[in-house]
Amino acid sequence: MNARLNIAALALAASFALGSTAQAEEIRVMTSGGFTAAYKVLGPKFAASSGNTLDTALGPSMGKAPEAIPNRLARGEQADVVIMVGYALDDLIKQGKVDPASRVELADSRIGMVVREGAAKPDISSEAGLKQTLLEAKSVAYSDSASGVYIENQLFKRLGIEEQLKPKSTMVPKIPVGSVVATGDYQLGFQQVSELLPVPGVSFVAKIPESLQSVTRFAAGIPVGAQHPAQARALLDYLASPAAQADVKATGLDSVTR
């Protein structure tokens, strides 16, 4: 009975957002890593209930990689929806590339840590525990996106261990940090929780202490000149809706307080 109610609620929400005059279309979506796991669950549900199809391109919110969303837009790739780190989206809005009125808050993402599957899980529940774990580690990996930039530029400094960590820590571009921990190339891996959980071969340890967290807000918007703005708006409304929050949380993200 609950499953039937949930399906009905999803269909109703999507139909309401679409409006009676919008036709089903193929929506071009660009999404970055932190929200991707949630999107992979929610996207098919939206497509099934609305009749639209989703053409999805993955890429980071920032950086020099050609797959990065700002770089895709800069070379003229078309998109109806972009899902990315909030402050990176704000940059695109300032550049006139995304409609400021379309911005929607989606979720908050916190940083966590993994070890190779089967390895002992250290206690990082306190600042002292995290500091000791980092000092004792033989190697540390973190991402080249928002979480990794914070770890490299701020976290190590806040813990007073920047010089000790420099020789044994590496920023990993493009690929999930968990993947290089799973192979044994690095002992510890740090990234947003939603990007760590789907990786096979690693064990999730915990989020870093809240007093040291850098919370990344994920948001979405509609690029200027989008071909299907009505359908794009319906997708954004659905991703931010109460009906989507159970799936958002299941992928390691935190709901935005509204």
Protein backbone atom coordinates (compact mmCIF):
# COMPACT_ATOMS: atom_id res chain seq x y z
CA MET A 1 0.00 0.00 0.00
CA ASN A 2 2.81 2.40 0.92
CA ALA A 3 4.63 1.64 -2.33
CA ARG A 4 1.47 2.42 -4.31
CA LEU A 5 1.02 5.68 -2.44
CA ASN A 6 4.63 6.67 -3.04
CA ILE A 7 4.39 5.99 -6.76
CA ALA A 8 1.17 7.95 -6.95
CA ALA A 9 2.71 10.83 -5.05
CA LEU A 10 5.68 10.93 -7.41
CA ALA A 11 3.45 10.93 -10.46
CA LEU A 12 1.23 13.63 -9.01
CA ALA A 13 4.19 15.84 -8.10
CA ALA A 14 5.76 15.52 -11.53
CA SER A 15 2.48 16.09 -13.35
CA PHE A 16 1.71 19.16 -11.27
CA ALA A 17 5.16 20.62 -11.89
CA LEU A 18 5.01 19.97 -15.60
CA GLY A 19 1.71 21.74 -16.05
CA SER A 20 -0.98 20.82 -18.48
CA THR A 21 0.52 22.57 -21.48
CA ALA A 22 4.09 21.25 -21.44
CA GLN A 23 4.96 18.41 -23.80
CA ALA A 24 7.31 15.56 -22.95
CA GLU A 25 10.83 16.24 -24.21
CA GLU A 26 14.41 15.03 -23.89
CA ILE A 27 16.01 17.06 -21.10
CA ARG A 28 19.76 17.57 -21.30
CA VAL A 29 21.26 17.41 -17.78
CA MET A 30 24.80 18.09 -16.61
CA THR A 31 25.49 16.89 -13.07
CA SER A 32 28.56 16.81 -10.86
CA GLY A 33 29.80 14.03 -8.60
CA GLY A 34 28.33 14.90 -5.22
CA PHE A 35 24.71 14.73 -6.33
CA THR A 36 25.14 12.03 -8.97
CA ALA A 37 24.19 9.06 -6.79
CA ALA A 38 20.92 10.74 -5.80
CA TYR A 39 20.27 11.81 -9.39
CA LYS A 40 20.76 8.25 -10.66
CA VAL A 41 17.92 7.15 -8.36
CA LEU A 42 15.63 10.14 -8.79
CA GLY A 43 16.12 10.76 -12.51
CA PRO A 44 14.49 7.52 -13.69
CA LYS A 45 11.57 8.06 -11.31
CA PHE A 46 10.98 11.51 -12.74
CA ALA A 47 11.27 10.22 -16.30
CA ALA A 48 8.83 7.40 -15.66
CA SER A 49 6.20 9.65 -14.08
CA SER A 50 6.55 12.66 -16.39
CA GLY A 51 7.13 11.03 -19.76
CA ASN A 52 10.28 13.05 -20.36
CA THR A 53 13.62 11.42 -21.10
CA LEU A 54 16.94 12.48 -19.61
CA ASP A 55 20.19 12.82 -21.54
CA THR A 56 22.87 13.08 -18.86
CA ALA A 57 26.49 14.24 -18.95
CA LEU A 58 28.70 13.82 -15.89
CA GLY A 59 31.46 16.20 -14.91
CA PRO A 60 32.96 18.09 -11.97
CA SER A 61 31.68 21.49 -10.88
CA MET A 62 35.05 23.14 -11.42
CA GLY A 63 38.60 22.52 -12.53
CA LYS A 64 40.53 22.22 -15.77
CA ALA A 65 39.14 18.89 -16.96
CA PRO A 66 37.27 19.18 -20.27
CA GLU A 67 34.35 17.33 -18.63
CA ALA A 68 33.89 20.07 -16.01
CA ILE A 69 30.47 21.66 -16.34
CA PRO A 70 31.72 25.26 -16.77
CA ASN A 71 34.10 24.08 -19.50
CA ARG A 72 31.32 22.17 -21.28
CA LEU A 73 29.15 25.29 -21.34
CA ALA A 74 32.07 27.48 -22.39
CA ARG A 75 32.62 25.44 -25.54
CA GLY A 76 28.96 25.61 -26.44
CA GLU A 77 27.51 22.33 -25.20
CA GLN A 78 23.77 22.64 -24.68
CA ALA A 79 22.07 21.94 -21.35
CA ASP A 80 18.59 22.35 -19.89
CA VAL A 81 19.71 21.69 -16.30
CA VAL A 82 23.02 21.97 -14.47
CA ILE A 83 23.48 20.37 -11.04
CA MET A 84 26.64 21.39 -9.23
CA VAL A 85 28.35 22.89 -6.20
CA GLY A 86 26.39 25.98 -5.19
CA TYR A 87 29.17 28.54 -5.35
CA ALA A 88 30.28 27.22 -8.77
CA LEU A 89 26.69 27.64 -9.97
CA ASP A 90 26.72 31.18 -8.59
CA ASP A 91 29.78 31.91 -10.74
CA LEU A 92 27.87 30.79 -13.84
CA ILE A 93 24.95 33.00 -12.80
CA LYS A 94 27.31 36.00 -12.44
CA GLN A 95 28.69 35.24 -15.91
CA GLY A 96 25.17 35.36 -17.33
CA LYS A 97 25.21 31.69 -18.30
CA VAL A 98 22.49 30.47 -15.89
CA ASP A 99 19.16 32.13 -15.14
CA PRO A 100 19.39 33.46 -11.56
CA ALA A 101 15.65 32.98 -11.02
CA SER A 102 15.99 29.27 -11.73
CA ARG A 103 18.40 28.47 -8.87
CA VAL A 104 17.17 25.66 -6.60
CA GLU A 105 18.82 24.38 -3.41
CA LEU A 106 19.09 20.58 -3.51
CA ALA A 107 21.21 19.08 -0.71
CA ASP A 108 24.16 19.49 1.61
CA SER A 109 27.17 17.20 1.36
CA ARG A 110 29.67 16.46 4.11
CA ILE A 111 33.17 15.01 3.93
CA GLY A 112 33.85 11.45 5.01
CA MET A 113 36.68 8.93 5.04
CA VAL A 114 37.17 5.41 3.70
CA VAL A 115 39.76 2.68 4.13
CA ARG A 116 40.34 -0.40 2.01
CA GLU A 117 37.76 -3.12 2.58
CA GLY A 118 38.90 -5.35 5.43
CA ALA A 119 41.26 -2.78 6.96
CA ALA A 120 40.80 -1.58 10.53
CA LYS A 121 38.58 1.46 10.91
CA PRO A 122 40.28 4.19 12.95
CA ASP A 123 38.33 6.41 15.32
CA ILE A 124 37.94 9.85 13.74
CA SER A 125 34.98 10.96 15.84
CA SER A 126 37.03 13.73 17.49
CA GLU A 127 39.49 16.31 16.24
CA ALA A 128 42.26 14.58 18.17
CA GLY A 129 41.33 11.21 16.69
CA LEU A 130 41.31 12.51 13.13
CA LYS A 131 44.64 14.28 13.66
CA GLN A 132 46.28 11.14 15.05
CA THR A 133 44.85 9.02 12.22
CA LEU A 134 46.29 11.37 9.61
CA LEU A 135 49.68 11.52 11.27
CA GLU A 136 49.90 7.72 11.47
CA ALA A 137 48.71 7.13 7.91
CA LYS A 138 51.24 6.10 5.27
CA SER A 139 49.30 7.83 2.46
CA VAL A 140 46.23 10.03 2.07
CA ALA A 141 44.12 10.79 -1.02
CA TYR A 142 41.43 13.43 -1.57
CA SER A 143 39.48 14.77 -4.54
CA ASP A 144 40.23 17.67 -6.87
CA SER A 145 36.79 19.19 -6.25
CA ALA A 146 35.38 21.23 -3.37
CA SER A 147 36.11 18.76 -0.55
CA GLY A 148 39.70 18.18 -1.62
CA VAL A 149 40.42 21.88 -2.03
CA TYR A 150 39.21 22.41 1.54
CA ILE A 151 41.29 19.52 2.90
CA GLU A 152 44.47 20.66 1.19
CA ASN A 153 44.13 24.39 1.85
CA GLN A 154 42.37 24.50 5.23
CA LEU A 155 41.85 21.23 7.12
CA PHE A 156 45.51 20.25 7.47
CA LYS A 157 46.33 23.81 8.57
CA ARG A 158 43.53 23.82 11.15
CA LEU A 159 44.89 20.58 12.60
CA GLY A 160 48.44 21.95 12.60
CA ILE A 161 49.82 19.09 10.49
CA GLU A 162 50.22 20.69 7.06
CA GLU A 163 53.97 20.07 6.82
CA GLN A 164 53.70 16.45 7.97
CA LEU A 165 50.95 15.68 5.44
CA LYS A 166 52.49 17.31 2.38
CA PRO A 167 54.83 14.42 1.50
CA LYS A 168 52.19 11.72 1.80
CA SER A 169 48.97 13.31 0.57
CA THR A 170 47.74 13.52 -3.02
CA MET A 171 44.88 15.27 -4.82
CA VAL A 172 43.27 12.73 -7.16
CA PRO A 173 41.71 14.18 -10.34
CA LYS A 174 38.63 12.95 -12.23
CA ILE A 175 38.16 9.49 -10.66
CA PRO A 176 36.48 8.60 -7.34
CA VAL A 177 38.94 8.76 -4.46
CA GLY A 178 37.58 5.49 -3.10
CA SER A 179 38.81 3.67 -6.20
CA VAL A 180 42.48 4.37 -5.43
CA VAL A 181 41.96 3.27 -1.83
CA ALA A 182 40.28 0.06 -3.01
CA THR A 183 43.38 -0.82 -5.07
CA GLY A 184 45.67 -0.21 -2.10
CA ASP A 185 47.43 2.76 -3.69
CA TYR A 186 46.41 4.94 -0.75
CA GLN A 187 45.60 4.05 2.85
CA LEU A 188 43.01 6.75 3.57
CA GLY A 189 40.57 8.45 1.21
CA PHE A 190 38.57 11.63 1.80
CA GLN A 191 35.70 12.89 -0.32
CA GLN A 192 32.08 13.86 0.00
CA VAL A 193 30.19 10.96 1.55
CA SER A 194 27.83 10.61 -1.40
CA GLU A 195 30.82 9.99 -3.66
CA LEU A 196 32.45 7.46 -1.33
CA LEU A 197 29.50 5.19 -0.58
CA PRO A 198 28.98 3.78 -4.12
CA VAL A 199 32.62 2.70 -4.55
CA PRO A 200 33.26 -1.07 -4.20
CA GLY A 201 36.25 -2.37 -2.32
CA VAL A 202 36.28 0.23 0.45
CA SER A 203 34.75 0.53 3.91
CA PHE A 204 33.18 3.80 4.98
CA VAL A 205 34.61 4.89 8.32
CA ALA A 206 32.69 8.06 9.26
CA LYS A 207 32.19 11.70 8.48
CA ILE A 208 34.93 13.94 9.80
CA PRO A 209 33.99 15.77 13.04
CA GLU A 210 31.36 18.46 12.59
CA SER A 211 33.69 21.07 14.09
CA LEU A 212 36.02 20.50 11.13
CA GLN A 213 33.44 19.98 8.41
CA SER A 214 33.17 21.90 5.20
CA VAL A 215 29.57 21.53 4.10
CA THR A 216 29.11 21.72 0.36
CA ARG A 217 25.73 22.93 -0.86
CA PHE A 218 24.54 21.40 -4.11
CA ALA A 219 22.19 23.47 -6.22
CA ALA A 220 20.79 23.43 -9.72
CA GLY A 221 19.73 25.89 -12.36
CA ILE A 222 18.60 26.34 -15.93
CA PRO A 223 21.15 27.71 -18.40
CA VAL A 224 20.21 30.79 -20.42
CA GLY A 225 18.96 29.60 -23.79
CA ALA A 226 17.86 26.16 -22.54
CA GLN A 227 15.73 24.43 -25.14
CA HIS A 228 13.21 22.97 -22.69
CA PRO A 229 12.88 25.35 -19.72
CA ALA A 230 9.41 24.18 -18.63
CA GLN A 231 10.47 20.54 -18.40
CA ALA A 232 13.74 21.61 -16.77
CA ARG A 233 11.80 23.51 -14.10
CA ALA A 234 9.64 20.45 -13.45
CA LEU A 235 12.76 18.33 -12.92
CA LEU A 236 14.27 20.86 -10.51
CA ASP A 237 11.03 21.12 -8.55
CA TYR A 238 10.94 17.34 -8.23
CA LEU A 239 14.59 16.98 -7.15
CA ALA A 240 14.01 19.53 -4.38
CA SER A 241 10.61 18.17 -3.33
CA PRO A 242 9.74 16.37 -0.08
CA ALA A 243 9.04 13.22 -2.12
CA ALA A 244 12.72 13.07 -3.13
CA GLN A 245 14.28 13.47 0.31
CA ALA A 246 14.37 9.81 1.37
CA ASP A 247 16.46 8.98 -1.69
CA VAL A 248 18.64 12.06 -1.17
CA LYS A 249 19.47 10.97 2.38
CA ALA A 250 20.02 7.32 1.40
CA THR A 251 22.89 8.36 -0.86
CA GLY A 252 24.79 10.12 1.94
CA LEU A 253 23.51 13.65 1.44
CA ASP A 254 21.66 15.83 3.93
CA SER A 255 18.39 17.57 3.15
CA VAL A 256 18.42 21.34 2.94
CA THR A 257 16.60 23.03 5.78
CA ARG A 258 13.80 25.05 4.23
